[in-house]
Amino acid sequence: DERERIARYLHDTLLEAVECYYSRLQPRRARPHLEPAHRQEMADVAIRARDMLIDGRDRIIALRRVDASPDLAGDLRAIALDYTTLYRAGFVLTEEGAPRPLVPEVAQEILDIAREGLRNAFVHANASAVELCMEWRRDRLHVRVRDDGDGIDEAVLRDGGRAGHWGLQGMRERAERIGARLVLRRGDE
């Protein structure tokens, strides 16, 4: 009951407020008298607001799911399709093998790792196509996010992230928490 109350509260307050600001920002950023720098700044804020809406909605879904393992493929498809409304990249999901129930906490960590991978592909890669591959095996699950974009910067790979950005570090921490192995590489490798 408490989880549902918190989910309702988040939806009715935080997400509704972000949605309101997002919808008010959209028409304003298209005004012809805006300087290009201000237009870009408003576009960046709009993208961040949309990312918050996507993430907030996903968190509410997770709060409402008490004991069940998430539908990883369905949840990740929904996340990616939200991104296709903002970015020009297409999306394909492939799934091999028979999905198995996972411990809910493990499933949530996998969902969060893959969500960040999808976000990076759509937001940072300048890709025209993003693919999510899920391979269910008897003793493991492989989740792979690929794109045909610019590729992760070699310095970011070498340093394990970018100063002031926590996405890759969060992915590593989540993987460690569940005993998973996280591999990041450029597409040309």
N, C-alpha and C. Protein backbone atom coordinates (compact mmCIF):
# COMPACT_ATOMS: atom_id res chain seq x y z
N ASP A 1 0.82 -1.20 0.00
CA ASP A 1 0.00 0.00 0.00
C ASP A 1 0.86 1.26 0.00
N GLU A 2 1.95 1.21 0.79
CA GLU A 2 2.83 2.38 0.87
C GLU A 2 3.51 2.65 -0.47
N ARG A 3 3.94 1.59 -1.16
CA ARG A 3 4.56 1.76 -2.46
C ARG A 3 3.59 2.39 -3.45
N GLU A 4 2.35 1.93 -3.44
CA GLU A 4 1.34 2.50 -4.34
C GLU A 4 1.05 3.95 -3.99
N ARG A 5 1.00 4.28 -2.70
CA ARG A 5 0.77 5.65 -2.27
C ARG A 5 1.90 6.56 -2.76
N ILE A 6 3.15 6.09 -2.63
CA ILE A 6 4.30 6.87 -3.09
C ILE A 6 4.24 7.03 -4.61
N ALA A 7 3.91 5.96 -5.32
CA ALA A 7 3.80 6.03 -6.79
C ALA A 7 2.74 7.04 -7.21
N ARG A 8 1.60 7.01 -6.55
CA ARG A 8 0.54 7.99 -6.87
C ARG A 8 1.01 9.41 -6.59
N TYR A 9 1.66 9.58 -5.45
CA TYR A 9 2.15 10.90 -5.07
C TYR A 9 3.14 11.43 -6.11
N LEU A 10 4.10 10.59 -6.50
CA LEU A 10 5.09 11.01 -7.51
C LEU A 10 4.41 11.38 -8.82
N HIS A 11 3.44 10.57 -9.22
CA HIS A 11 2.74 10.84 -10.47
C HIS A 11 1.96 12.15 -10.38
N ASP A 12 1.23 12.32 -9.28
CA ASP A 12 0.33 13.46 -9.16
C ASP A 12 1.05 14.77 -8.86
N THR A 13 2.29 14.72 -8.40
CA THR A 13 2.99 15.96 -8.07
C THR A 13 4.18 16.18 -9.01
N LEU A 14 5.22 15.44 -8.79
CA LEU A 14 6.47 15.66 -9.52
C LEU A 14 6.31 15.50 -11.03
N LEU A 15 5.78 14.36 -11.46
CA LEU A 15 5.68 14.13 -12.91
C LEU A 15 4.70 15.09 -13.58
N GLU A 16 3.61 15.38 -12.91
CA GLU A 16 2.66 16.32 -13.50
C GLU A 16 3.29 17.70 -13.63
N ALA A 17 4.10 18.12 -12.65
CA ALA A 17 4.76 19.42 -12.72
C ALA A 17 5.78 19.45 -13.86
N VAL A 18 6.57 18.39 -13.99
CA VAL A 18 7.56 18.33 -15.07
C VAL A 18 6.85 18.33 -16.42
N GLU A 19 5.77 17.58 -16.53
CA GLU A 19 5.00 17.53 -17.78
C GLU A 19 4.45 18.91 -18.12
N CYS A 20 3.98 19.62 -17.12
CA CYS A 20 3.45 20.98 -17.34
C CYS A 20 4.55 21.90 -17.87
N TYR A 21 5.70 21.89 -17.22
CA TYR A 21 6.81 22.74 -17.67
C TYR A 21 7.28 22.34 -19.07
N TYR A 22 7.34 21.05 -19.30
CA TYR A 22 7.77 20.55 -20.61
C TYR A 22 6.82 21.05 -21.71
N SER A 23 5.52 20.91 -21.47
CA SER A 23 4.55 21.32 -22.50
C SER A 23 4.55 22.84 -22.68
N ARG A 24 4.83 23.62 -21.63
CA ARG A 24 4.92 25.07 -21.77
C ARG A 24 6.20 25.48 -22.49
N LEU A 25 7.25 24.71 -22.34
CA LEU A 25 8.54 25.02 -22.95
C LEU A 25 8.55 24.75 -24.45
N GLN A 26 7.88 23.70 -24.86
CA GLN A 26 7.91 23.30 -26.27
C GLN A 26 7.56 24.43 -27.24
N PRO A 27 6.41 25.08 -27.11
CA PRO A 27 6.09 26.14 -28.09
C PRO A 27 7.01 27.36 -27.97
N ARG A 28 7.49 27.63 -26.78
CA ARG A 28 8.35 28.80 -26.59
C ARG A 28 9.70 28.64 -27.29
N ARG A 29 10.21 27.44 -27.34
CA ARG A 29 11.53 27.26 -27.94
C ARG A 29 11.49 27.39 -29.46
N ALA A 30 10.32 27.36 -30.04
CA ALA A 30 10.19 27.49 -31.49
C ALA A 30 9.96 28.94 -31.94
N ARG A 31 9.91 29.87 -31.01
CA ARG A 31 9.67 31.26 -31.37
C ARG A 31 10.79 31.79 -32.25
N PRO A 32 10.44 32.48 -33.34
CA PRO A 32 11.45 32.93 -34.30
C PRO A 32 12.39 34.02 -33.78
N HIS A 33 11.97 34.80 -32.78
CA HIS A 33 12.81 35.90 -32.30
C HIS A 33 13.89 35.45 -31.31
N LEU A 34 13.91 34.20 -30.93
CA LEU A 34 14.93 33.71 -29.99
C LEU A 34 16.30 33.65 -30.66
N GLU A 35 17.29 34.05 -29.92
CA GLU A 35 18.66 33.91 -30.41
C GLU A 35 19.00 32.42 -30.47
N PRO A 36 19.85 32.02 -31.41
CA PRO A 36 20.19 30.59 -31.54
C PRO A 36 20.70 29.97 -30.23
N ALA A 37 21.49 30.70 -29.46
CA ALA A 37 22.01 30.15 -28.20
C ALA A 37 20.88 29.88 -27.21
N HIS A 38 19.91 30.79 -27.14
CA HIS A 38 18.77 30.60 -26.24
C HIS A 38 17.88 29.46 -26.74
N ARG A 39 17.72 29.37 -28.03
CA ARG A 39 16.92 28.29 -28.61
C ARG A 39 17.54 26.93 -28.27
N GLN A 40 18.88 26.85 -28.39
CA GLN A 40 19.56 25.60 -28.07
C GLN A 40 19.46 25.27 -26.59
N GLU A 41 19.60 26.31 -25.76
CA GLU A 41 19.48 26.11 -24.32
C GLU A 41 18.09 25.58 -23.96
N MET A 42 17.06 26.15 -24.57
CA MET A 42 15.69 25.68 -24.32
C MET A 42 15.50 24.27 -24.83
N ALA A 43 16.11 23.95 -25.96
CA ALA A 43 16.01 22.59 -26.48
C ALA A 43 16.68 21.60 -25.53
N ASP A 44 17.84 21.98 -24.98
CA ASP A 44 18.53 21.12 -24.02
C ASP A 44 17.69 20.90 -22.77
N VAL A 45 17.07 21.96 -22.27
CA VAL A 45 16.22 21.85 -21.08
C VAL A 45 15.01 20.95 -21.39
N ALA A 46 14.43 21.11 -22.57
CA ALA A 46 13.29 20.28 -22.96
C ALA A 46 13.68 18.81 -23.01
N ILE A 47 14.86 18.52 -23.53
CA ILE A 47 15.32 17.13 -23.60
C ILE A 47 15.51 16.57 -22.20
N ARG A 48 16.10 17.34 -21.32
CA ARG A 48 16.30 16.89 -19.94
C ARG A 48 14.95 16.66 -19.24
N ALA A 49 14.00 17.55 -19.49
CA ALA A 49 12.67 17.39 -18.90
C ALA A 49 12.01 16.11 -19.43
N ARG A 50 12.14 15.87 -20.72
CA ARG A 50 11.56 14.65 -21.29
C ARG A 50 12.24 13.41 -20.71
N ASP A 51 13.56 13.45 -20.53
CA ASP A 51 14.27 12.34 -19.90
C ASP A 51 13.77 12.10 -18.48
N MET A 52 13.51 13.20 -17.75
CA MET A 52 12.97 13.07 -16.39
C MET A 52 11.60 12.41 -16.40
N LEU A 53 10.78 12.78 -17.37
CA LEU A 53 9.45 12.17 -17.48
C LEU A 53 9.56 10.68 -17.76
N ILE A 54 10.44 10.31 -18.67
CA ILE A 54 10.62 8.90 -19.01
C ILE A 54 11.10 8.13 -17.78
N ASP A 55 12.14 8.65 -17.13
CA ASP A 55 12.69 7.97 -15.96
C ASP A 55 11.67 7.93 -14.83
N GLY A 56 10.97 9.03 -14.59
CA GLY A 56 9.97 9.06 -13.52
C GLY A 56 8.86 8.06 -13.76
N ARG A 57 8.39 7.98 -14.98
CA ARG A 57 7.33 7.01 -15.30
C ARG A 57 7.82 5.59 -15.05
N ASP A 58 9.07 5.32 -15.44
CA ASP A 58 9.62 3.98 -15.23
C ASP A 58 9.75 3.67 -13.75
N ARG A 59 10.13 4.66 -12.95
CA ARG A 59 10.26 4.45 -11.50
C ARG A 59 8.90 4.19 -10.86
N ILE A 60 7.87 4.88 -11.34
CA ILE A 60 6.53 4.64 -10.82
C ILE A 60 6.07 3.23 -11.15
N ILE A 61 6.34 2.79 -12.36
CA ILE A 61 6.00 1.41 -12.73
C ILE A 61 6.70 0.43 -11.80
N ALA A 62 7.98 0.68 -11.53
CA ALA A 62 8.74 -0.21 -10.65
C ALA A 62 8.18 -0.20 -9.23
N LEU A 63 7.76 0.95 -8.75
CA LEU A 63 7.17 1.02 -7.40
C LEU A 63 5.88 0.23 -7.31
N ARG A 64 5.10 0.26 -8.36
CA ARG A 64 3.82 -0.45 -8.34
C ARG A 64 3.99 -1.95 -8.50
N ARG A 65 5.12 -2.38 -8.97
CA ARG A 65 5.39 -3.80 -9.17
C ARG A 65 6.03 -4.33 -7.89
N VAL A 66 5.28 -4.97 -7.05
CA VAL A 66 5.77 -5.34 -5.72
C VAL A 66 6.64 -6.58 -5.76
N ASP A 67 6.10 -7.71 -6.15
CA ASP A 67 6.85 -8.96 -6.06
C ASP A 67 7.16 -9.57 -7.42
N ALA A 68 6.68 -8.97 -8.47
CA ALA A 68 6.86 -9.57 -9.79
C ALA A 68 8.12 -9.03 -10.45
N SER A 69 8.76 -9.89 -11.21
CA SER A 69 9.89 -9.48 -12.02
C SER A 69 9.35 -8.66 -13.19
N PRO A 70 10.02 -7.58 -13.56
CA PRO A 70 9.50 -6.77 -14.67
C PRO A 70 9.56 -7.54 -15.99
N ASP A 71 8.73 -7.11 -16.91
CA ASP A 71 8.81 -7.60 -18.28
C ASP A 71 9.94 -6.81 -18.93
N LEU A 72 11.16 -7.32 -18.81
CA LEU A 72 12.33 -6.57 -19.26
C LEU A 72 12.20 -6.11 -20.70
N ALA A 73 11.88 -7.04 -21.58
CA ALA A 73 11.79 -6.67 -23.00
C ALA A 73 10.71 -5.61 -23.22
N GLY A 74 9.55 -5.79 -22.64
CA GLY A 74 8.47 -4.83 -22.81
C GLY A 74 8.80 -3.47 -22.21
N ASP A 75 9.39 -3.49 -21.00
CA ASP A 75 9.75 -2.23 -20.36
C ASP A 75 10.83 -1.50 -21.15
N LEU A 76 11.84 -2.23 -21.61
CA LEU A 76 12.92 -1.60 -22.38
C LEU A 76 12.44 -1.11 -23.74
N ARG A 77 11.54 -1.85 -24.36
CA ARG A 77 10.96 -1.40 -25.62
C ARG A 77 10.22 -0.07 -25.41
N ALA A 78 9.43 0.03 -24.33
CA ALA A 78 8.69 1.26 -24.05
C ALA A 78 9.65 2.43 -23.82
N ILE A 79 10.73 2.20 -23.10
CA ILE A 79 11.71 3.24 -22.85
C ILE A 79 12.32 3.72 -24.17
N ALA A 80 12.73 2.76 -25.01
CA ALA A 80 13.36 3.11 -26.29
C ALA A 80 12.38 3.84 -27.20
N LEU A 81 11.14 3.40 -27.23
CA LEU A 81 10.16 4.06 -28.10
C LEU A 81 9.89 5.49 -27.64
N ASP A 82 9.97 5.73 -26.32
CA ASP A 82 9.88 7.11 -25.85
C ASP A 82 11.02 7.94 -26.44
N TYR A 83 12.22 7.39 -26.47
CA TYR A 83 13.37 8.12 -27.03
C TYR A 83 13.22 8.35 -28.52
N THR A 84 12.59 7.43 -29.24
CA THR A 84 12.44 7.63 -30.69
C THR A 84 11.53 8.82 -31.00
N THR A 85 10.74 9.26 -30.03
CA THR A 85 9.91 10.45 -30.27
C THR A 85 10.74 11.72 -30.19
N LEU A 86 11.93 11.64 -29.59
CA LEU A 86 12.79 12.82 -29.44
C LEU A 86 13.98 12.83 -30.37
N TYR A 87 14.44 11.66 -30.77
CA TYR A 87 15.67 11.55 -31.55
C TYR A 87 15.36 10.84 -32.85
N ARG A 88 16.20 11.07 -33.85
CA ARG A 88 15.92 10.55 -35.19
C ARG A 88 16.25 9.08 -35.35
N ALA A 89 16.82 8.45 -34.35
CA ALA A 89 17.23 7.06 -34.47
C ALA A 89 16.04 6.11 -34.43
N GLY A 90 16.11 5.08 -35.27
CA GLY A 90 15.14 4.01 -35.22
C GLY A 90 15.54 3.02 -34.13
N PHE A 91 14.64 2.09 -33.81
CA PHE A 91 14.91 1.15 -32.73
C PHE A 91 14.42 -0.24 -33.10
N VAL A 92 15.24 -1.24 -32.77
CA VAL A 92 14.88 -2.65 -32.96
C VAL A 92 15.26 -3.40 -31.70
N LEU A 93 14.37 -4.26 -31.24
CA LEU A 93 14.66 -5.14 -30.12
C LEU A 93 14.61 -6.57 -30.61
N THR A 94 15.65 -7.34 -30.31
CA THR A 94 15.64 -8.77 -30.61
C THR A 94 15.80 -9.53 -29.31
N GLU A 95 15.08 -10.63 -29.21
CA GLU A 95 15.12 -11.44 -28.00
C GLU A 95 15.27 -12.90 -28.41
N GLU A 96 16.27 -13.55 -27.86
CA GLU A 96 16.52 -14.97 -28.13
C GLU A 96 16.36 -15.77 -26.85
N GLY A 97 15.85 -16.98 -26.97
CA GLY A 97 15.67 -17.83 -25.80
C GLY A 97 14.38 -17.50 -25.08
N ALA A 98 14.11 -18.29 -24.07
CA ALA A 98 12.87 -18.14 -23.30
C ALA A 98 13.13 -17.29 -22.06
N PRO A 99 12.43 -16.17 -21.92
CA PRO A 99 12.59 -15.35 -20.72
C PRO A 99 12.27 -16.15 -19.46
N ARG A 100 13.04 -15.90 -18.41
CA ARG A 100 12.84 -16.56 -17.13
C ARG A 100 12.55 -15.51 -16.06
N PRO A 101 11.86 -15.90 -15.02
CA PRO A 101 11.66 -14.96 -13.92
C PRO A 101 13.00 -14.66 -13.25
N LEU A 102 13.17 -13.43 -12.86
CA LEU A 102 14.38 -12.99 -12.17
C LEU A 102 14.00 -12.47 -10.80
N VAL A 103 14.94 -12.48 -9.90
CA VAL A 103 14.73 -11.83 -8.60
C VAL A 103 14.40 -10.37 -8.90
N PRO A 104 13.33 -9.82 -8.33
CA PRO A 104 12.91 -8.47 -8.68
C PRO A 104 14.01 -7.42 -8.56
N GLU A 105 14.82 -7.49 -7.52
CA GLU A 105 15.89 -6.50 -7.35
C GLU A 105 16.92 -6.61 -8.46
N VAL A 106 17.23 -7.84 -8.88
CA VAL A 106 18.18 -8.06 -9.97
C VAL A 106 17.59 -7.55 -11.28
N ALA A 107 16.33 -7.87 -11.51
CA ALA A 107 15.66 -7.42 -12.73
C ALA A 107 15.65 -5.90 -12.80
N GLN A 108 15.41 -5.24 -11.66
CA GLN A 108 15.39 -3.78 -11.65
C GLN A 108 16.76 -3.20 -11.97
N GLU A 109 17.81 -3.80 -11.45
CA GLU A 109 19.17 -3.32 -11.75
C GLU A 109 19.49 -3.51 -13.24
N ILE A 110 19.10 -4.64 -13.81
CA ILE A 110 19.32 -4.88 -15.24
C ILE A 110 18.55 -3.84 -16.05
N LEU A 111 17.32 -3.58 -15.66
CA LEU A 111 16.50 -2.58 -16.34
C LEU A 111 17.18 -1.21 -16.29
N ASP A 112 17.71 -0.84 -15.13
CA ASP A 112 18.35 0.47 -14.99
C ASP A 112 19.65 0.56 -15.79
N ILE A 113 20.43 -0.51 -15.82
CA ILE A 113 21.66 -0.53 -16.62
C ILE A 113 21.32 -0.37 -18.10
N ALA A 114 20.37 -1.17 -18.57
CA ALA A 114 20.00 -1.12 -19.98
C ALA A 114 19.36 0.22 -20.34
N ARG A 115 18.57 0.79 -19.42
CA ARG A 115 17.97 2.10 -19.66
C ARG A 115 19.06 3.15 -19.89
N GLU A 116 20.10 3.12 -19.06
CA GLU A 116 21.20 4.08 -19.23
C GLU A 116 21.93 3.84 -20.55
N GLY A 117 22.12 2.57 -20.92
CA GLY A 117 22.74 2.27 -22.21
C GLY A 117 21.91 2.80 -23.37
N LEU A 118 20.60 2.62 -23.29
CA LEU A 118 19.72 3.15 -24.34
C LEU A 118 19.77 4.68 -24.37
N ARG A 119 19.73 5.28 -23.20
CA ARG A 119 19.80 6.75 -23.13
C ARG A 119 21.08 7.27 -23.77
N ASN A 120 22.19 6.63 -23.46
CA ASN A 120 23.46 7.04 -24.04
C ASN A 120 23.45 6.90 -25.56
N ALA A 121 22.89 5.80 -26.04
CA ALA A 121 22.84 5.58 -27.49
C ALA A 121 21.99 6.64 -28.19
N PHE A 122 20.83 6.92 -27.63
CA PHE A 122 19.94 7.90 -28.26
C PHE A 122 20.45 9.33 -28.10
N VAL A 123 20.91 9.69 -26.90
CA VAL A 123 21.24 11.08 -26.60
C VAL A 123 22.62 11.47 -27.09
N HIS A 124 23.61 10.59 -26.93
CA HIS A 124 25.00 10.99 -27.17
C HIS A 124 25.63 10.46 -28.46
N ALA A 125 25.09 9.41 -29.04
CA ALA A 125 25.80 8.73 -30.13
C ALA A 125 25.58 9.33 -31.51
N ASN A 126 24.58 10.19 -31.67
CA ASN A 126 24.26 10.71 -32.99
C ASN A 126 23.99 9.55 -33.96
N ALA A 127 23.23 8.59 -33.47
CA ALA A 127 22.96 7.36 -34.22
C ALA A 127 21.71 7.48 -35.07
N SER A 128 21.64 6.68 -36.12
CA SER A 128 20.41 6.58 -36.89
C SER A 128 19.66 5.30 -36.55
N ALA A 129 20.35 4.35 -35.89
CA ALA A 129 19.73 3.09 -35.50
C ALA A 129 20.29 2.64 -34.15
N VAL A 130 19.38 2.21 -33.28
CA VAL A 130 19.75 1.66 -31.97
C VAL A 130 19.13 0.28 -31.88
N GLU A 131 19.91 -0.67 -31.40
CA GLU A 131 19.43 -2.05 -31.28
C GLU A 131 19.66 -2.54 -29.86
N LEU A 132 18.67 -3.22 -29.34
CA LEU A 132 18.78 -3.87 -28.04
C LEU A 132 18.63 -5.37 -28.28
N CYS A 133 19.64 -6.13 -27.89
CA CYS A 133 19.61 -7.59 -28.05
C CYS A 133 19.55 -8.22 -26.66
N MET A 134 18.60 -9.11 -26.45
CA MET A 134 18.49 -9.84 -25.20
C MET A 134 18.62 -11.32 -25.52
N GLU A 135 19.60 -11.96 -24.90
CA GLU A 135 19.83 -13.39 -25.13
C GLU A 135 19.66 -14.12 -23.80
N TRP A 136 18.55 -14.85 -23.68
CA TRP A 136 18.27 -15.63 -22.48
C TRP A 136 18.93 -17.00 -22.65
N ARG A 137 19.84 -17.32 -21.77
CA ARG A 137 20.50 -18.63 -21.76
C ARG A 137 20.10 -19.35 -20.48
N ARG A 138 20.42 -20.62 -20.42
CA ARG A 138 20.07 -21.42 -19.25
C ARG A 138 20.66 -20.83 -17.97
N ASP A 139 21.89 -20.35 -18.06
CA ASP A 139 22.58 -19.90 -16.86
C ASP A 139 22.90 -18.40 -16.84
N ARG A 140 22.41 -17.64 -17.80
CA ARG A 140 22.71 -16.20 -17.80
C ARG A 140 21.82 -15.46 -18.80
N LEU A 141 21.86 -14.15 -18.67
CA LEU A 141 21.16 -13.25 -19.58
C LEU A 141 22.18 -12.25 -20.11
N HIS A 142 22.27 -12.14 -21.43
CA HIS A 142 23.12 -11.12 -22.05
C HIS A 142 22.19 -10.03 -22.57
N VAL A 143 22.50 -8.80 -22.22
CA VAL A 143 21.77 -7.65 -22.74
C VAL A 143 22.79 -6.75 -23.42
N ARG A 144 22.55 -6.46 -24.68
CA ARG A 144 23.51 -5.67 -25.46
C ARG A 144 22.78 -4.51 -26.14
N VAL A 145 23.33 -3.32 -25.93
CA VAL A 145 22.82 -2.13 -26.61
C VAL A 145 23.87 -1.75 -27.65
N ARG A 146 23.44 -1.61 -28.89
CA ARG A 146 24.34 -1.22 -29.99
C ARG A 146 23.72 -0.05 -30.74
N ASP A 147 24.60 0.74 -31.33
CA ASP A 147 24.11 1.80 -32.20
C ASP A 147 25.10 2.00 -33.34
N ASP A 148 24.67 2.70 -34.36
CA ASP A 148 25.55 2.96 -35.50
C ASP A 148 26.08 4.39 -35.47
N GLY A 149 26.18 4.94 -34.27
CA GLY A 149 26.59 6.33 -34.11
C GLY A 149 28.08 6.52 -34.06
N ASP A 150 28.47 7.64 -33.45
CA ASP A 150 29.87 8.08 -33.42
C ASP A 150 30.78 7.18 -32.59
N GLY A 151 30.23 6.43 -31.68
CA GLY A 151 31.06 5.60 -30.80
C GLY A 151 31.47 6.36 -29.57
N ILE A 152 31.64 5.65 -28.50
CA ILE A 152 32.01 6.28 -27.24
C ILE A 152 33.43 6.83 -27.35
N ASP A 153 33.65 7.99 -26.83
CA ASP A 153 34.96 8.63 -26.89
C ASP A 153 36.01 7.75 -26.21
N GLU A 154 37.16 7.62 -26.84
CA GLU A 154 38.21 6.76 -26.29
C GLU A 154 38.67 7.23 -24.91
N ALA A 155 38.69 8.53 -24.68
CA ALA A 155 39.08 9.05 -23.36
C ALA A 155 38.06 8.65 -22.30
N VAL A 156 36.78 8.65 -22.65
CA VAL A 156 35.74 8.23 -21.72
C VAL A 156 35.90 6.75 -21.39
N LEU A 157 36.19 5.94 -22.41
CA LEU A 157 36.44 4.52 -22.16
C LEU A 157 37.65 4.32 -21.26
N ARG A 158 38.71 5.01 -21.58
CA ARG A 158 39.96 4.87 -20.82
C ARG A 158 39.79 5.33 -19.37
N ASP A 159 39.09 6.47 -19.18
CA ASP A 159 38.93 7.06 -17.85
C ASP A 159 37.75 6.48 -17.08
N GLY A 160 36.90 5.71 -17.74
CA GLY A 160 35.75 5.11 -17.08
C GLY A 160 34.57 6.05 -16.91
N GLY A 161 34.60 7.18 -17.59
CA GLY A 161 33.50 8.14 -17.52
C GLY A 161 33.99 9.54 -17.83
N ARG A 162 33.09 10.49 -17.67
CA ARG A 162 33.39 11.90 -17.93
C ARG A 162 33.15 12.65 -16.62
N ALA A 163 34.04 13.57 -16.30
CA ALA A 163 33.92 14.33 -15.06
C ALA A 163 32.55 14.99 -14.96
N GLY A 164 31.92 14.84 -13.81
CA GLY A 164 30.62 15.45 -13.59
C GLY A 164 29.45 14.67 -14.15
N HIS A 165 29.70 13.54 -14.80
CA HIS A 165 28.65 12.68 -15.35
C HIS A 165 28.71 11.35 -14.61
N TRP A 166 27.55 10.83 -14.23
CA TRP A 166 27.52 9.65 -13.36
C TRP A 166 26.88 8.43 -14.01
N GLY A 167 26.48 8.52 -15.26
CA GLY A 167 25.77 7.40 -15.90
C GLY A 167 26.59 6.13 -15.98
N LEU A 168 27.81 6.23 -16.50
CA LEU A 168 28.64 5.02 -16.64
C LEU A 168 29.04 4.47 -15.28
N GLN A 169 29.35 5.35 -14.36
CA GLN A 169 29.69 4.89 -13.01
C GLN A 169 28.51 4.17 -12.38
N GLY A 170 27.31 4.72 -12.55
CA GLY A 170 26.11 4.07 -12.03
C GLY A 170 25.88 2.71 -12.65
N MET A 171 26.14 2.59 -13.96
CA MET A 171 26.01 1.30 -14.62
C MET A 171 26.96 0.28 -14.00
N ARG A 172 28.21 0.70 -13.80
CA ARG A 172 29.20 -0.21 -13.19
C ARG A 172 28.79 -0.62 -11.78
N GLU A 173 28.35 0.34 -10.99
CA GLU A 173 27.95 0.05 -9.61
C GLU A 173 26.77 -0.91 -9.57
N ARG A 174 25.81 -0.71 -10.45
CA ARG A 174 24.64 -1.61 -10.50
C ARG A 174 25.07 -3.01 -10.91
N ALA A 175 25.95 -3.09 -11.90
CA ALA A 175 26.43 -4.41 -12.35
C ALA A 175 27.16 -5.13 -11.21
N GLU A 176 28.01 -4.42 -10.51
CA GLU A 176 28.72 -5.02 -9.37
C GLU A 176 27.76 -5.52 -8.32
N ARG A 177 26.72 -4.75 -8.03
CA ARG A 177 25.75 -5.10 -6.99
C ARG A 177 25.09 -6.44 -7.27
N ILE A 178 24.90 -6.78 -8.54
CA ILE A 178 24.21 -8.04 -8.86
C ILE A 178 25.15 -9.10 -9.41
N GLY A 179 26.46 -8.83 -9.38
CA GLY A 179 27.43 -9.82 -9.87
C GLY A 179 27.44 -9.95 -11.38
N ALA A 180 27.08 -8.89 -12.08
CA ALA A 180 27.07 -8.91 -13.55
C ALA A 180 28.38 -8.34 -14.07
N ARG A 181 28.62 -8.60 -15.32
CA ARG A 181 29.81 -8.05 -15.98
C ARG A 181 29.36 -7.00 -17.00
N LEU A 182 29.89 -5.80 -16.88
CA LEU A 182 29.56 -4.71 -17.79
C LEU A 182 30.75 -4.49 -18.71
N VAL A 183 30.49 -4.51 -20.01
CA VAL A 183 31.54 -4.31 -21.00
C VAL A 183 31.13 -3.12 -21.87
N LEU A 184 32.02 -2.15 -21.99
CA LEU A 184 31.80 -1.01 -22.86
C LEU A 184 32.88 -1.02 -23.93
N ARG A 185 32.46 -0.83 -25.18
CA ARG A 185 33.47 -0.77 -26.25
C ARG A 185 32.92 0.02 -27.41
N ARG A 186 33.87 0.47 -28.23
CA ARG A 186 33.52 1.18 -29.45
C ARG A 186 33.04 0.17 -30.48
N GLY A 187 32.18 0.61 -31.38
CA GLY A 187 31.64 -0.29 -32.40
C GLY A 187 32.67 -0.83 -33.36
N ASP A 188 33.81 -0.13 -33.52
CA ASP A 188 34.82 -0.60 -34.46
C ASP A 188 35.77 -1.61 -33.82
N GLU A 189 35.48 -2.02 -32.58
CA GLU A 189 36.36 -2.99 -31.91
C GLU A 189 35.72 -4.37 -31.91
